[in-house]
């Protein structure tokens, strides 16, 4: 059984920063208490993605935090990342698991109980469920109700994280849902103080986890 902590799952967004500032913000977030880190790059070539991932992985390793690569199993394998996260339009979880065996963390995005159960059965190690709120990131968002989130938590035995527009002021709606943590992008990425934002969000998340 893999041991990892999803209580504060940070997803990056490099679109507004040069590389130096992007790396600084990632490191600040890690120093503030991020427990798992996802590098999400929707518009880079494989070569660009690998180069960026290698640098981010170096930072994550210094903090002992697993690096998850969004969408791209090839990139995750190329940089020896700890895991990959797969959406509903990406490679099937079962296919990814057949390629990497048990050596890698595999996460899956799910929006229904049926998708969640299927992902667990196919070998997913954790789930990201949402969007709970509308998001400002440039990804397609379909809102997921808190009731559905709670039902998913009850239906599977793997960690479930809420995602989508979450910040320190609106996470209270996740109380008593059974989540294992929260996923955040803008609440840390766009903060004037990513370290402080991460520390605050970690405390909020830990208060929600039963």
Protein backbone atom coordinates (compact mmCIF):
# COMPACT_ATOMS: atom_id res chain seq x y z
CA UNK A 1 0.00 0.00 0.00
CA UNK A 2 1.40 3.40 -0.97
CA UNK A 3 1.59 5.97 1.80
CA UNK A 4 0.86 9.54 0.80
CA UNK A 5 -1.00 12.47 2.32
CA UNK A 6 -3.56 14.34 0.21
CA UNK A 7 -4.68 16.77 2.92
CA UNK A 8 -3.32 19.77 1.00
CA UNK A 9 -3.06 18.96 -2.69
CA UNK A 10 -1.58 21.85 -4.66
CA UNK A 11 -2.05 22.06 -8.44
CA UNK A 12 0.22 24.45 -10.27
CA UNK A 13 -0.58 27.05 -12.92
CA UNK A 14 2.49 28.51 -14.62
CA UNK A 15 0.66 30.64 -17.17
CA UNK A 16 1.07 33.99 -15.40
CA UNK A 17 4.69 33.77 -14.28
CA UNK A 18 8.18 33.53 -15.67
CA UNK A 19 10.03 30.36 -14.64
CA UNK A 20 11.99 31.93 -11.79
CA UNK A 21 8.85 33.29 -10.16
CA UNK A 22 6.94 30.07 -10.85
CA UNK A 23 9.61 27.97 -9.14
CA UNK A 24 9.73 30.43 -6.24
CA UNK A 25 5.98 30.12 -5.71
CA UNK A 26 6.09 26.34 -5.89
CA UNK A 27 8.86 26.22 -3.30
CA UNK A 28 7.06 28.69 -1.05
CA UNK A 29 3.92 26.53 -1.20
CA UNK A 30 5.90 23.43 -0.30
CA UNK A 31 7.56 25.19 2.61
CA UNK A 32 4.10 26.23 3.81
CA UNK A 33 2.90 22.66 4.14
CA UNK A 34 1.65 21.34 0.80
CA UNK A 35 1.51 17.54 1.12
CA UNK A 36 1.20 16.53 -2.54
CA UNK A 37 2.01 18.53 -5.69
CA UNK A 38 0.54 18.27 -9.17
CA UNK A 39 2.23 19.86 -12.17
CA UNK A 40 -0.50 20.77 -14.64
CA UNK A 41 0.53 22.01 -18.08
CA UNK A 42 -2.14 21.93 -20.76
CA UNK A 43 -0.30 23.74 -23.54
CA UNK A 44 3.31 22.59 -23.54
CA UNK A 45 5.01 20.15 -25.86
CA UNK A 46 6.23 16.89 -24.36
CA UNK A 47 9.80 18.18 -24.41
CA UNK A 48 8.84 21.44 -22.66
CA UNK A 49 6.72 19.56 -20.13
CA UNK A 50 9.57 17.17 -19.31
CA UNK A 51 12.07 19.97 -18.86
CA UNK A 52 9.77 21.88 -16.50
CA UNK A 53 8.81 18.69 -14.65
CA UNK A 54 12.44 17.82 -13.98
CA UNK A 55 13.00 21.18 -12.28
CA UNK A 56 9.78 20.99 -10.27
CA UNK A 57 10.58 17.41 -9.24
CA UNK A 58 13.95 18.56 -7.90
CA UNK A 59 12.17 21.10 -5.70
CA UNK A 60 9.53 18.61 -4.53
CA UNK A 61 12.15 16.01 -3.63
CA UNK A 62 13.86 18.48 -1.30
CA UNK A 63 10.63 18.68 0.68
CA UNK A 64 9.79 14.99 0.48
CA UNK A 65 6.55 15.75 -1.34
CA UNK A 66 5.27 13.45 -4.11
CA UNK A 67 5.07 14.99 -7.59
CA UNK A 68 2.04 14.08 -9.67
CA UNK A 69 2.04 14.84 -13.41
CA UNK A 70 -1.31 15.84 -14.89
CA UNK A 71 -2.57 13.94 -17.95
CA UNK A 72 0.73 12.64 -19.28
CA UNK A 73 1.95 9.23 -18.17
CA UNK A 74 4.89 9.49 -20.58
CA UNK A 75 6.09 12.68 -18.90
CA UNK A 76 5.59 11.19 -15.43
CA UNK A 77 7.66 8.15 -16.37
CA UNK A 78 10.33 10.24 -18.08
CA UNK A 79 11.04 12.31 -14.97
CA UNK A 80 10.41 9.43 -12.52
CA UNK A 81 7.61 11.36 -10.86
CA UNK A 82 5.78 9.67 -8.01
CA UNK A 83 2.47 9.68 -9.84
CA UNK A 84 0.13 10.70 -12.64
CA UNK A 85 -3.36 12.20 -12.56
CA UNK A 86 -5.85 11.17 -15.24
CA UNK A 87 -9.07 12.89 -16.25
CA UNK A 88 -12.07 11.35 -17.93
CA UNK A 89 -10.68 12.11 -21.40
CA UNK A 90 -7.13 10.94 -20.65
CA UNK A 91 -5.63 7.46 -20.75
CA UNK A 92 -7.88 5.01 -18.83
CA UNK A 93 -6.74 4.28 -15.29
CA UNK A 94 -6.69 0.55 -16.04
CA UNK A 95 -4.33 1.09 -18.99
CA UNK A 96 -1.99 3.26 -16.97
CA UNK A 97 -1.97 0.72 -14.15
CA UNK A 98 -1.13 -2.08 -16.59
CA UNK A 99 1.87 -0.06 -17.80
CA UNK A 100 3.35 1.06 -14.47
CA UNK A 101 2.21 -1.77 -12.23
CA UNK A 102 2.13 -0.76 -8.57
CA UNK A 103 5.14 1.53 -8.84
CA UNK A 104 3.28 4.81 -9.29
CA UNK A 105 0.47 6.74 -7.62
CA UNK A 106 -2.47 7.08 -10.01
CA UNK A 107 -5.16 9.65 -9.37
CA UNK A 108 -8.40 10.09 -11.27
CA UNK A 109 -10.90 12.88 -11.77
CA UNK A 110 -14.46 11.71 -11.17
CA UNK A 111 -17.79 13.50 -11.02
CA UNK A 112 -20.25 10.67 -10.30
CA UNK A 113 -20.44 7.70 -7.96
CA UNK A 114 -20.28 5.37 -10.97
CA UNK A 115 -17.08 6.97 -12.27
CA UNK A 116 -15.56 6.85 -8.79
CA UNK A 117 -16.26 3.16 -8.24
CA UNK A 118 -14.96 2.33 -11.70
CA UNK A 119 -11.75 4.31 -11.12
CA UNK A 120 -11.11 2.55 -7.81
CA UNK A 121 -11.75 -0.86 -9.39
CA UNK A 122 -9.39 0.03 -12.25
CA UNK A 123 -6.56 0.80 -9.85
CA UNK A 124 -6.78 4.47 -8.90
CA UNK A 125 -5.08 5.38 -5.60
CA UNK A 126 -7.08 8.55 -4.96
CA UNK A 127 -9.84 10.64 -6.54
CA UNK A 128 -10.27 14.33 -7.28
CA UNK A 129 -13.95 15.26 -7.23
CA UNK A 130 -15.43 18.52 -8.45
CA UNK A 131 -15.65 21.26 -9.39
CA UNK A 132 -17.27 22.27 -6.12
CA UNK A 133 -17.24 25.94 -7.14
CA UNK A 134 -16.60 27.61 -10.50
CA UNK A 135 -12.88 28.04 -11.12
CA UNK A 136 -10.71 30.68 -12.73
CA UNK A 137 -8.27 28.18 -14.22
CA UNK A 138 -8.52 27.53 -17.94
CA UNK A 139 -9.98 24.05 -17.72
CA UNK A 140 -13.47 22.80 -18.44
CA UNK A 141 -15.52 22.75 -15.25
CA UNK A 142 -18.73 20.92 -14.50
CA UNK A 143 -19.98 21.58 -11.00
CA UNK A 144 -20.39 18.69 -8.58
CA UNK A 145 -22.76 18.95 -5.65
CA UNK A 146 -21.59 18.43 -2.09
CA UNK A 147 -24.16 15.63 -1.79
CA UNK A 148 -22.52 13.81 -4.72
CA UNK A 149 -19.10 14.37 -3.15
CA UNK A 150 -20.34 12.82 0.10
CA UNK A 151 -21.85 9.87 -1.76
CA UNK A 152 -18.56 9.25 -3.56
CA UNK A 153 -16.67 9.32 -0.26
CA UNK A 154 -19.06 6.68 1.08
CA UNK A 155 -18.81 4.52 -2.05
CA UNK A 156 -15.03 4.11 -2.24
CA UNK A 157 -12.25 3.16 0.14
CA UNK A 158 -9.49 5.30 -1.41
CA UNK A 159 -8.84 8.96 -0.52
CA UNK A 160 -11.22 11.50 -2.04
CA UNK A 161 -10.24 15.14 -2.47
CA UNK A 162 -12.56 18.02 -3.27
CA UNK A 163 -11.46 20.37 -6.05
CA UNK A 164 -12.73 23.49 -7.76
CA UNK A 165 -12.61 27.11 -6.64
CA UNK A 166 -11.78 26.25 -3.03
CA UNK A 167 -10.24 28.81 -0.69
CA UNK A 168 -9.99 29.48 3.03
CA UNK A 169 -13.39 31.21 3.12
CA UNK A 170 -15.57 28.64 1.35
CA UNK A 171 -14.28 25.23 2.45
CA UNK A 172 -16.78 25.03 5.31
CA UNK A 173 -19.35 23.44 2.99
CA UNK A 174 -17.12 20.36 2.92
CA UNK A 175 -17.62 19.58 6.62
CA UNK A 176 -18.76 16.01 7.32
CA UNK A 177 -18.37 14.89 3.71
CA UNK A 178 -15.64 12.34 4.43
CA UNK A 179 -12.96 13.92 2.23
CA UNK A 180 -9.27 13.21 2.74
CA UNK A 181 -8.21 16.70 1.69
CA UNK A 182 -8.67 19.65 -0.62
CA UNK A 183 -7.12 20.51 -3.99
CA UNK A 184 -6.28 24.15 -4.59
CA UNK A 185 -4.82 26.11 -7.47
CA UNK A 186 -5.47 29.86 -7.37
CA UNK A 187 -5.78 30.11 -3.57
CA UNK A 188 -2.04 29.42 -3.39
CA UNK A 189 -0.79 30.17 -6.90
CA UNK A 190 -2.17 33.71 -6.99
CA UNK A 191 -1.55 34.55 -3.35
CA UNK A 192 0.80 37.39 -2.47
CA UNK A 193 2.30 35.01 0.10
CA UNK A 194 2.09 31.38 -1.11
CA UNK A 195 3.78 30.03 2.03
CA UNK A 196 1.30 31.67 4.37
CA UNK A 197 -1.61 30.71 2.12
CA UNK A 198 -0.51 27.07 2.13
CA UNK A 199 -0.12 27.01 5.91
CA UNK A 200 -3.58 28.51 6.38
CA UNK A 201 -5.21 26.14 3.90
CA UNK A 202 -3.52 23.14 5.48
CA UNK A 203 -5.01 24.06 8.84
CA UNK A 204 -8.44 24.50 7.23
CA UNK A 205 -8.15 21.14 5.48
CA UNK A 206 -7.07 19.28 8.58
CA UNK A 207 -10.10 20.70 10.37
CA UNK A 208 -12.36 19.13 7.74
CA UNK A 209 -10.82 15.66 7.83
CA UNK A 210 -12.49 13.26 10.21
